[in-house]
Amino acid sequence: MKQQVRIPATYIRGGTSKGVFFRLADLPESCQVPGRARDKLFQRVIGSPDPYSAHIDGMGGATSSTSKCVILSKSSRPEHDVDYLYGQVSIDTDFVDWSGNCGNLSTAAGAFAIHAGLVDPSRIPDNGTCVVRIWQANIQKTIIAHVPITNGQVQETGDFELDGVTFPAAEIVLEFMDPSDDGDDGGAMFPTGNLVDTLDVPGVGSFPATMISAGIPTVFVNAADIGYQGTELREDINNDPAQLERFEKIRVAGALRMGLIKTPEEALKRQHTPKIAFVSPPKSYTASSGKAIDAADVDLLVRALSMGKLHHAMMGTCAVAIGTAAAIPGTLVNLAAGGGEREAVRFGHPSGTLRVGAEAKQVDGQWQVTKAVMSRSARILMEGWVRVPAATLDN
């Protein structure tokens, strides 16, 4: 049997996610281009597909938040420092989804770009903030990361607290520039042309939905319309296969209406997008950490599913969608937050609260968002080499 091969890698927490980061030049030659070889490598690194859904034989954590790989390289695009490519590795099926971004790991992408020597040293101050200009290759968008620097190095420790992350760290501010989708597969920010549609879901029913492509394609529905309060925690939903199946039906119906897929069967190969989220006006609840969240402390409640399970906090890209939709009067998100014009919202999620801002305006009757802003943190957990059996790289 062939021995293992080792590949330089860094294991990083970004926001409420963590993933294995690679420099493009460090990957085996066959994996430096998109294709089956790269997918097989990332699956083996994470430990997928795993019928036990445990990732015992890999770096993954058997959740959508921890089954991630990232590739960074110096950018060839003007006014950008790095290209950032993200792969969401399915836990129990033979599949890597490249259809979207991870907003949480976008934070780590900015920090890793500096750690890995991919940012021009002349742009890194001795002390202060380094502005890292990231080209998000999955969705063809620009992200600006404001990374704190101390003595020429990324400052990772600090007192910034992020609900869903146990320990404090240094704050990194992210700006998602022009986050609405103007690409080929989603069309405008509101693919249906409406702020609210009636979504007909076979086997489930019909109810209002806001379908938006900003940050990541997302289908928003009212919690009350599908029998929820908006205060639910992971175990309230993830332990009920029938409810998860119902959410998947809603997600597929939304994907069809948004033009992301042509047939329901295509959803099996597009698990990462769109997201499905449900919203509610403010209510008091107890977060998963035991922290009391008072209704007066939030503008609305949001619960979102990722890769078929309720997320333990909130995906960064979905937070962008929330902030964007909240800024546009008449969407379900905006109405849940009380309606009217607003530049930022603080929403409650299963682990606590998060504030996100967005700048929205109407141009020729169409809504546009120039940027969405939120704060996260990132920390290197381990660096060195990840090892995989050499047979992984065989054709």
Protein backbone atom coordinates (compact mmCIF):
# COMPACT_ATOMS: atom_id res chain seq x y z
CA MET A 1 0.00 0.00 0.00
CA LYS A 2 1.18 3.50 -0.76
CA GLN A 3 2.23 5.73 2.12
CA GLN A 4 0.54 9.02 3.00
CA VAL A 5 1.44 12.34 1.43
CA ARG A 6 1.59 15.55 3.39
CA ILE A 7 0.37 18.93 2.20
CA PRO A 8 0.99 22.30 3.90
CA ALA A 9 -2.26 23.43 5.53
CA THR A 10 -3.63 25.68 8.25
CA TYR A 11 -6.67 24.94 10.38
CA ILE A 12 -8.50 28.19 11.18
CA ARG A 13 -11.64 29.30 12.96
CA GLY A 14 -13.36 32.13 11.16
CA GLY A 15 -16.50 33.53 12.76
CA THR A 16 -18.65 30.59 13.87
CA SER A 17 -17.09 28.19 11.34
CA LYS A 18 -13.73 26.53 10.90
CA GLY A 19 -11.97 25.02 7.92
CA VAL A 20 -8.74 23.75 6.42
CA PHE A 21 -6.91 26.47 4.47
CA PHE A 22 -4.46 25.90 1.63
CA ARG A 23 -2.30 28.08 -0.58
CA LEU A 24 -3.01 27.15 -4.19
CA ALA A 25 0.69 26.66 -4.94
CA ASP A 26 0.99 24.11 -2.09
CA LEU A 27 -1.63 21.75 -3.52
CA PRO A 28 -0.60 18.74 -5.63
CA GLU A 29 -0.49 19.75 -9.28
CA SER A 30 -3.62 17.77 -10.18
CA CYS A 31 -5.53 19.64 -7.47
CA GLN A 32 -4.49 23.13 -8.51
CA VAL A 33 -7.30 23.16 -11.08
CA PRO A 34 -11.01 22.48 -10.55
CA GLY A 35 -12.08 18.89 -10.98
CA ARG A 36 -12.47 15.49 -9.46
CA ALA A 37 -8.90 15.34 -8.11
CA ARG A 38 -9.41 18.48 -6.03
CA ASP A 39 -12.79 17.27 -4.78
CA LYS A 40 -11.36 13.90 -3.74
CA LEU A 41 -8.52 15.58 -1.87
CA PHE A 42 -10.81 17.89 0.07
CA GLN A 43 -13.20 15.06 0.89
CA ARG A 44 -10.34 12.93 2.25
CA VAL A 45 -8.98 15.85 4.26
CA ILE A 46 -12.37 16.40 5.89
CA GLY A 47 -13.19 12.69 6.21
CA SER A 48 -16.11 12.52 3.77
CA PRO A 49 -18.27 10.92 2.63
CA ASP A 50 -18.89 9.37 6.04
CA PRO A 51 -21.97 7.15 6.47
CA TYR A 52 -21.47 7.46 10.24
CA SER A 53 -21.67 11.29 10.00
CA ALA A 54 -18.83 11.59 12.50
CA HIS A 55 -15.68 12.54 10.50
CA ILE A 56 -13.54 10.38 12.78
CA ASP A 57 -11.02 9.82 9.97
CA GLY A 58 -10.60 13.46 8.94
CA MET A 59 -10.38 17.09 9.98
CA GLY A 60 -14.10 17.78 9.71
CA GLY A 61 -16.45 18.15 12.63
CA ALA A 62 -19.51 16.47 11.08
CA THR A 63 -21.46 19.75 10.85
CA SER A 64 -21.96 22.18 8.00
CA SER A 65 -19.92 24.73 10.00
CA THR A 66 -16.85 22.49 10.16
CA SER A 67 -16.84 20.63 6.82
CA LYS A 68 -15.05 23.30 4.82
CA CYS A 69 -11.89 23.79 2.77
CA VAL A 70 -10.44 27.01 1.39
CA ILE A 71 -7.87 27.84 -1.30
CA LEU A 72 -6.10 31.20 -1.45
CA SER A 73 -3.70 32.59 -4.03
CA LYS A 74 -2.35 35.97 -5.05
CA SER A 75 -4.94 37.73 -7.15
CA SER A 76 -4.47 38.53 -10.81
CA ARG A 77 -7.38 40.96 -10.65
CA PRO A 78 -6.58 44.70 -10.41
CA GLU A 79 -7.08 46.26 -6.97
CA HIS A 80 -7.29 42.89 -5.21
CA ASP A 81 -4.77 41.13 -3.01
CA VAL A 82 -5.98 37.53 -3.04
CA ASP A 83 -8.38 35.15 -4.74
CA TYR A 84 -10.43 33.13 -2.26
CA LEU A 85 -12.17 29.89 -3.29
CA TYR A 86 -14.42 27.99 -0.90
CA GLY A 87 -15.56 24.35 -0.96
CA GLN A 88 -18.42 23.07 1.22
CA VAL A 89 -17.80 19.35 1.72
CA SER A 90 -20.90 17.22 2.12
CA ILE A 91 -20.77 15.11 5.26
CA ASP A 92 -22.30 11.83 4.13
CA THR A 93 -22.54 12.06 0.33
CA ASP A 94 -19.89 12.08 -2.40
CA PHE A 95 -20.07 15.77 -3.16
CA VAL A 96 -18.27 19.11 -2.79
CA ASP A 97 -20.43 22.20 -3.34
CA TRP A 98 -18.70 25.18 -4.99
CA SER A 99 -21.89 27.21 -5.58
CA GLY A 100 -21.50 29.78 -2.82
CA ASN A 101 -19.33 31.54 -0.29
CA CYS A 102 -18.81 31.15 3.46
CA GLY A 103 -19.14 34.53 5.10
CA ASN A 104 -17.61 33.31 8.36
CA LEU A 105 -14.49 31.96 6.67
CA SER A 106 -14.23 35.17 4.66
CA THR A 107 -12.96 36.60 7.94
CA ALA A 108 -10.28 33.95 8.15
CA ALA A 109 -9.42 34.44 4.46
CA GLY A 110 -8.30 37.99 5.19
CA ALA A 111 -6.17 36.94 8.14
CA PHE A 112 -4.72 33.89 6.36
CA ALA A 113 -3.78 36.00 3.35
CA ILE A 114 -1.43 37.95 5.62
CA HIS A 115 -0.19 34.89 7.53
CA ALA A 116 0.58 33.08 4.26
CA GLY A 117 2.56 35.93 2.73
CA LEU A 118 0.03 36.61 -0.02
CA VAL A 119 -0.34 40.32 0.76
CA ASP A 120 2.28 42.82 -0.39
CA PRO A 121 4.39 43.59 2.72
CA SER A 122 4.31 47.30 1.86
CA ARG A 123 0.54 47.26 2.53
CA ILE A 124 0.91 45.79 6.04
CA PRO A 125 1.46 48.43 8.76
CA ASP A 126 3.64 47.80 11.78
CA ASN A 127 0.62 48.60 13.93
CA GLY A 128 -2.94 49.44 12.95
CA THR A 129 -5.26 47.85 10.40
CA CYS A 130 -4.42 46.08 7.15
CA VAL A 131 -7.11 46.37 4.49
CA VAL A 132 -7.13 43.05 2.61
CA ARG A 133 -8.92 43.18 -0.75
CA ILE A 134 -10.39 39.73 -1.42
CA TRP A 135 -11.82 38.44 -4.69
CA GLN A 136 -14.42 35.81 -3.78
CA ALA A 137 -14.04 33.45 -6.73
CA ASN A 138 -17.16 31.35 -6.09
CA ILE A 139 -19.57 34.27 -6.44
CA GLN A 140 -17.34 36.76 -8.28
CA LYS A 141 -17.60 39.46 -5.62
CA THR A 142 -15.25 41.71 -3.65
CA ILE A 143 -14.88 41.45 0.12
CA ILE A 144 -12.85 43.95 2.14
CA ALA A 145 -11.39 42.62 5.41
CA HIS A 146 -10.06 45.09 7.98
CA VAL A 147 -7.52 42.97 9.86
CA PRO A 148 -5.86 44.32 13.05
CA ILE A 149 -2.05 44.27 13.05
CA THR A 150 0.40 44.41 15.99
CA ASN A 151 4.16 44.52 15.39
CA GLY A 152 3.63 43.58 11.76
CA GLN A 153 1.65 40.43 12.61
CA VAL A 154 -2.06 39.62 12.61
CA GLN A 155 -3.52 40.40 16.02
CA GLU A 156 -5.64 37.38 16.90
CA THR A 157 -6.32 37.80 20.61
CA GLY A 158 -8.64 40.49 21.90
CA ASP A 159 -11.85 41.25 23.76
CA PHE A 160 -14.35 41.11 20.89
CA GLU A 161 -17.10 38.63 21.77
CA LEU A 162 -19.11 36.80 19.12
CA ASP A 163 -22.15 34.76 20.13
CA GLY A 164 -21.57 31.18 19.01
CA VAL A 165 -17.82 31.36 19.78
CA THR A 166 -16.76 30.49 23.32
CA PHE A 167 -13.74 32.75 23.74
CA PRO A 168 -13.14 36.41 22.82
CA ALA A 169 -10.68 37.41 20.08
CA ALA A 170 -9.68 40.41 17.98
CA GLU A 171 -12.40 42.05 15.89
CA ILE A 172 -12.21 41.90 12.09
CA VAL A 173 -14.64 44.09 10.17
CA LEU A 174 -15.89 42.71 6.84
CA GLU A 175 -17.40 44.70 4.00
CA PHE A 176 -19.26 42.68 1.38
CA MET A 177 -19.21 44.96 -1.65
CA ASP A 178 -22.18 44.96 -4.04
CA PRO A 179 -23.46 41.75 -2.41
CA SER A 180 -26.55 41.32 -4.59
CA ASP A 181 -26.36 38.67 -7.30
CA ASP A 182 -25.90 40.04 -10.80
CA GLY A 183 -24.43 36.81 -12.16
CA ASP A 184 -25.72 34.29 -14.66
CA ASP A 185 -27.49 31.82 -12.39
CA GLY A 186 -29.60 34.09 -10.19
CA GLY A 187 -30.22 37.29 -12.11
CA ALA A 188 -31.25 40.31 -10.07
CA MET A 189 -31.20 40.67 -6.30
CA PHE A 190 -34.86 39.59 -6.32
CA PRO A 191 -34.87 36.89 -9.03
CA THR A 192 -38.68 36.76 -9.19
CA GLY A 193 -38.95 40.53 -9.48
CA ASN A 194 -40.96 40.73 -6.26
CA LEU A 195 -40.13 41.55 -2.66
CA VAL A 196 -42.63 38.92 -1.53
CA ASP A 197 -44.08 35.98 -3.46
CA THR A 198 -46.50 33.23 -2.66
CA LEU A 199 -44.37 30.09 -2.63
CA ASP A 200 -46.22 26.89 -3.49
CA VAL A 201 -44.49 23.89 -1.96
CA PRO A 202 -45.77 20.45 -2.98
CA GLY A 203 -46.73 18.43 0.06
CA VAL A 204 -46.27 21.38 2.41
CA GLY A 205 -48.54 24.27 1.39
CA SER A 206 -48.46 27.85 0.16
CA PHE A 207 -47.15 30.84 2.11
CA PRO A 208 -45.38 34.18 1.61
CA ALA A 209 -41.64 34.12 0.89
CA THR A 210 -38.93 36.66 0.22
CA MET A 211 -36.36 35.20 -2.18
CA ILE A 212 -33.19 37.24 -2.38
CA SER A 213 -29.70 36.82 -3.79
CA ALA A 214 -27.44 38.91 -1.58
CA GLY A 215 -24.45 37.40 0.16
CA ILE A 216 -25.93 34.04 -0.70
CA PRO A 217 -29.25 33.08 -2.31
CA THR A 218 -31.75 32.79 0.54
CA VAL A 219 -35.43 31.92 0.89
CA PHE A 220 -37.05 33.71 3.85
CA VAL A 221 -40.41 32.62 5.24
CA ASN A 222 -42.37 33.66 8.33
CA ALA A 223 -41.88 31.34 11.30
CA ALA A 224 -45.58 31.44 12.14
CA ASP A 225 -46.58 30.38 8.62
CA ILE A 226 -44.72 27.08 9.00
CA GLY A 227 -45.63 26.41 12.62
CA TYR A 228 -42.64 27.84 14.49
CA GLN A 229 -42.01 30.62 17.01
CA GLY A 230 -38.60 31.76 15.77
CA THR A 231 -37.05 30.92 19.15
CA GLU A 232 -36.14 27.35 18.25
CA LEU A 233 -32.71 25.87 18.97
CA ARG A 234 -30.91 23.18 16.97
CA GLU A 235 -32.29 20.19 18.84
CA ASP A 236 -35.86 21.41 18.33
CA ILE A 237 -35.53 20.85 14.59
CA ASN A 238 -32.47 18.71 13.83
CA ASN A 239 -33.81 15.77 15.84
CA ASP A 240 -36.96 15.61 13.70
CA PRO A 241 -36.33 14.05 10.26
CA ALA A 242 -39.86 14.88 9.11
CA GLN A 243 -39.32 18.58 9.77
CA LEU A 244 -35.94 18.56 8.03
CA GLU A 245 -37.56 16.92 5.01
CA ARG A 246 -40.22 19.64 5.01
CA PHE A 247 -37.55 22.35 5.05
CA GLU A 248 -35.78 20.70 2.14
CA LYS A 249 -39.01 20.76 0.14
CA ILE A 250 -39.31 24.49 0.83
CA ARG A 251 -35.69 25.01 -0.18
CA VAL A 252 -36.15 23.10 -3.45
CA ALA A 253 -39.32 25.03 -4.30
CA GLY A 254 -37.47 28.28 -3.65
CA ALA A 255 -34.50 27.21 -5.76
CA LEU A 256 -36.84 26.48 -8.66
CA ARG A 257 -38.60 29.86 -8.35
CA MET A 258 -35.25 31.66 -8.14
CA GLY A 259 -33.99 29.94 -11.29
CA LEU A 260 -31.07 28.32 -9.48
CA ILE A 261 -32.11 24.86 -10.66
CA LYS A 262 -34.32 23.60 -13.47
CA THR A 263 -35.51 20.34 -11.89
CA PRO A 264 -35.94 19.24 -8.25
CA GLU A 265 -33.32 16.53 -8.80
CA GLU A 266 -30.64 19.18 -9.37
CA ALA A 267 -31.00 20.27 -5.74
CA LEU A 268 -29.03 17.19 -4.70
CA LYS A 269 -25.96 18.72 -6.35
CA ARG A 270 -26.65 22.19 -4.97
CA GLN A 271 -26.93 21.62 -1.25
CA HIS A 272 -25.10 24.76 -0.16
CA THR A 273 -27.46 27.17 -1.93
CA PRO A 274 -30.04 28.52 -1.55
CA LYS A 275 -30.36 28.79 2.21
CA ILE A 276 -33.73 28.54 3.90
CA ALA A 277 -34.45 30.82 6.87
CA PHE A 278 -37.49 31.70 8.94
CA VAL A 279 -38.10 35.03 10.66
CA SER A 280 -40.19 36.33 13.52
CA PRO A 281 -40.76 39.62 15.36
CA PRO A 282 -38.74 39.94 18.59
CA LYS A 283 -39.41 37.48 21.42
CA SER A 284 -37.49 36.66 24.57
CA TYR A 285 -35.74 33.28 24.62
CA THR A 286 -32.80 31.42 26.08
CA ALA A 287 -29.87 30.86 23.72
CA SER A 288 -28.08 27.53 23.46
CA SER A 289 -25.37 28.79 25.83
CA GLY A 290 -27.96 29.55 28.50
CA LYS A 291 -27.73 33.29 27.84
CA ALA A 292 -31.05 35.14 28.18
CA ILE A 293 -31.99 37.12 25.07
CA ASP A 294 -34.56 39.81 25.79
CA ALA A 295 -37.03 40.83 23.10
CA ALA A 296 -36.02 44.44 23.67
CA ASP A 297 -32.41 43.66 22.69
CA VAL A 298 -33.17 42.53 19.12
CA ASP A 299 -35.02 43.82 16.09
CA LEU A 300 -36.15 40.37 14.92
CA LEU A 301 -35.41 36.65 15.24
CA VAL A 302 -33.93 34.52 12.46
CA ARG A 303 -33.23 30.81 12.25
CA ALA A 304 -31.45 29.40 9.18
CA LEU A 305 -30.62 25.96 7.85
CA SER A 306 -27.33 25.00 6.21
CA MET A 307 -26.69 21.72 4.42
CA GLY A 308 -29.99 20.33 5.68
CA LYS A 309 -29.62 21.20 9.38
CA LEU A 310 -30.49 24.18 11.55
CA HIS A 311 -27.31 26.23 12.00
CA HIS A 312 -26.00 26.59 15.55
CA ALA A 313 -25.62 30.37 15.09
CA MET A 314 -25.81 32.17 11.74
CA MET A 315 -23.93 31.75 8.49
CA GLY A 316 -22.04 34.92 7.60
CA THR A 317 -23.39 35.05 4.07
CA CYS A 318 -26.93 34.55 5.33
CA ALA A 319 -26.33 37.43 7.74
CA VAL A 320 -25.55 39.55 4.67
CA ALA A 321 -28.86 38.46 3.15
CA ILE A 322 -30.63 39.33 6.41
CA GLY A 323 -29.07 42.78 6.59
CA THR A 324 -29.81 43.46 2.94
CA ALA A 325 -33.43 42.30 3.11
CA ALA A 326 -33.97 44.22 6.35
CA ALA A 327 -32.84 47.43 4.63
CA ILE A 328 -35.51 47.12 1.93
CA PRO A 329 -39.03 48.09 3.07
CA GLY A 330 -41.63 45.42 2.40
CA THR A 331 -39.57 42.22 2.57
CA LEU A 332 -40.54 39.63 5.18
CA VAL A 333 -37.28 40.34 7.01
CA ASN A 334 -37.97 44.06 7.06
CA LEU A 335 -41.55 43.55 8.22
CA ALA A 336 -40.46 41.17 11.00
CA ALA A 337 -38.10 43.94 12.18
CA GLY A 338 -40.96 46.42 12.30
CA GLY A 339 -40.87 47.79 8.76
CA GLY A 340 -39.62 51.12 7.48
CA GLU A 341 -36.17 52.20 6.37
CA ARG A 342 -33.17 50.99 8.36
CA GLU A 343 -29.42 50.77 7.86
CA ALA A 344 -28.73 47.99 10.39
CA VAL A 345 -30.47 45.33 12.43
CA ARG A 346 -29.58 43.20 15.42
CA PHE A 347 -31.18 39.79 15.12
CA GLY A 348 -31.46 36.88 17.49
CA HIS A 349 -30.17 33.46 16.43
CA PRO A 350 -29.81 30.15 18.33
CA SER A 351 -26.48 31.16 19.94
CA GLY A 352 -27.27 34.79 20.70
CA THR A 353 -27.38 37.99 18.67
CA LEU A 354 -25.59 39.57 15.72
CA ARG A 355 -25.62 43.05 14.25
CA VAL A 356 -25.34 43.54 10.48
CA GLY A 357 -25.65 46.70 8.41
CA ALA A 358 -26.45 47.32 4.76
CA GLU A 359 -26.74 50.33 2.46
CA ALA A 360 -29.71 49.97 0.09
CA LYS A 361 -31.16 52.35 -2.48
CA GLN A 362 -33.49 52.30 -5.47
CA VAL A 363 -32.02 52.99 -8.90
CA ASP A 364 -34.42 53.12 -11.87
CA GLY A 365 -37.00 51.26 -9.82
CA GLN A 366 -34.60 48.44 -8.87
CA TRP A 367 -33.15 47.91 -5.41
CA GLN A 368 -29.37 47.96 -5.14
CA VAL A 369 -27.12 47.37 -2.16
CA THR A 370 -23.66 48.91 -2.26
CA LYS A 371 -22.29 46.97 0.69
CA ALA A 372 -23.11 45.00 3.80
CA VAL A 373 -20.97 45.24 6.93
CA MET A 374 -20.49 43.00 9.96
CA SER A 375 -17.82 42.09 12.50
CA ARG A 376 -16.35 38.64 13.13
CA SER A 377 -13.06 37.24 14.41
CA ALA A 378 -10.57 34.59 13.32
CA ARG A 379 -7.87 32.50 14.96
CA ILE A 380 -5.37 29.92 13.76
CA LEU A 381 -5.97 26.64 15.59
CA MET A 382 -3.18 24.58 14.04
CA GLU A 383 -0.68 24.88 11.22
CA GLY A 384 1.70 22.47 9.53
CA TRP A 385 0.77 19.62 7.19
CA VAL A 386 -2.38 17.64 6.64
CA ARG A 387 -1.82 14.02 5.58
CA VAL A 388 -3.91 11.96 3.18
CA PRO A 389 -3.32 8.47 1.73
CA ALA A 390 -1.41 8.79 -1.55
CA ALA A 391 -4.10 6.74 -3.29
CA THR A 392 -6.41 9.75 -2.82
CA LEU A 393 -4.50 11.50 -5.59
CA ASP A 394 -4.72 8.59 -8.04
CA ASN A 395 -6.95 9.14 -11.05
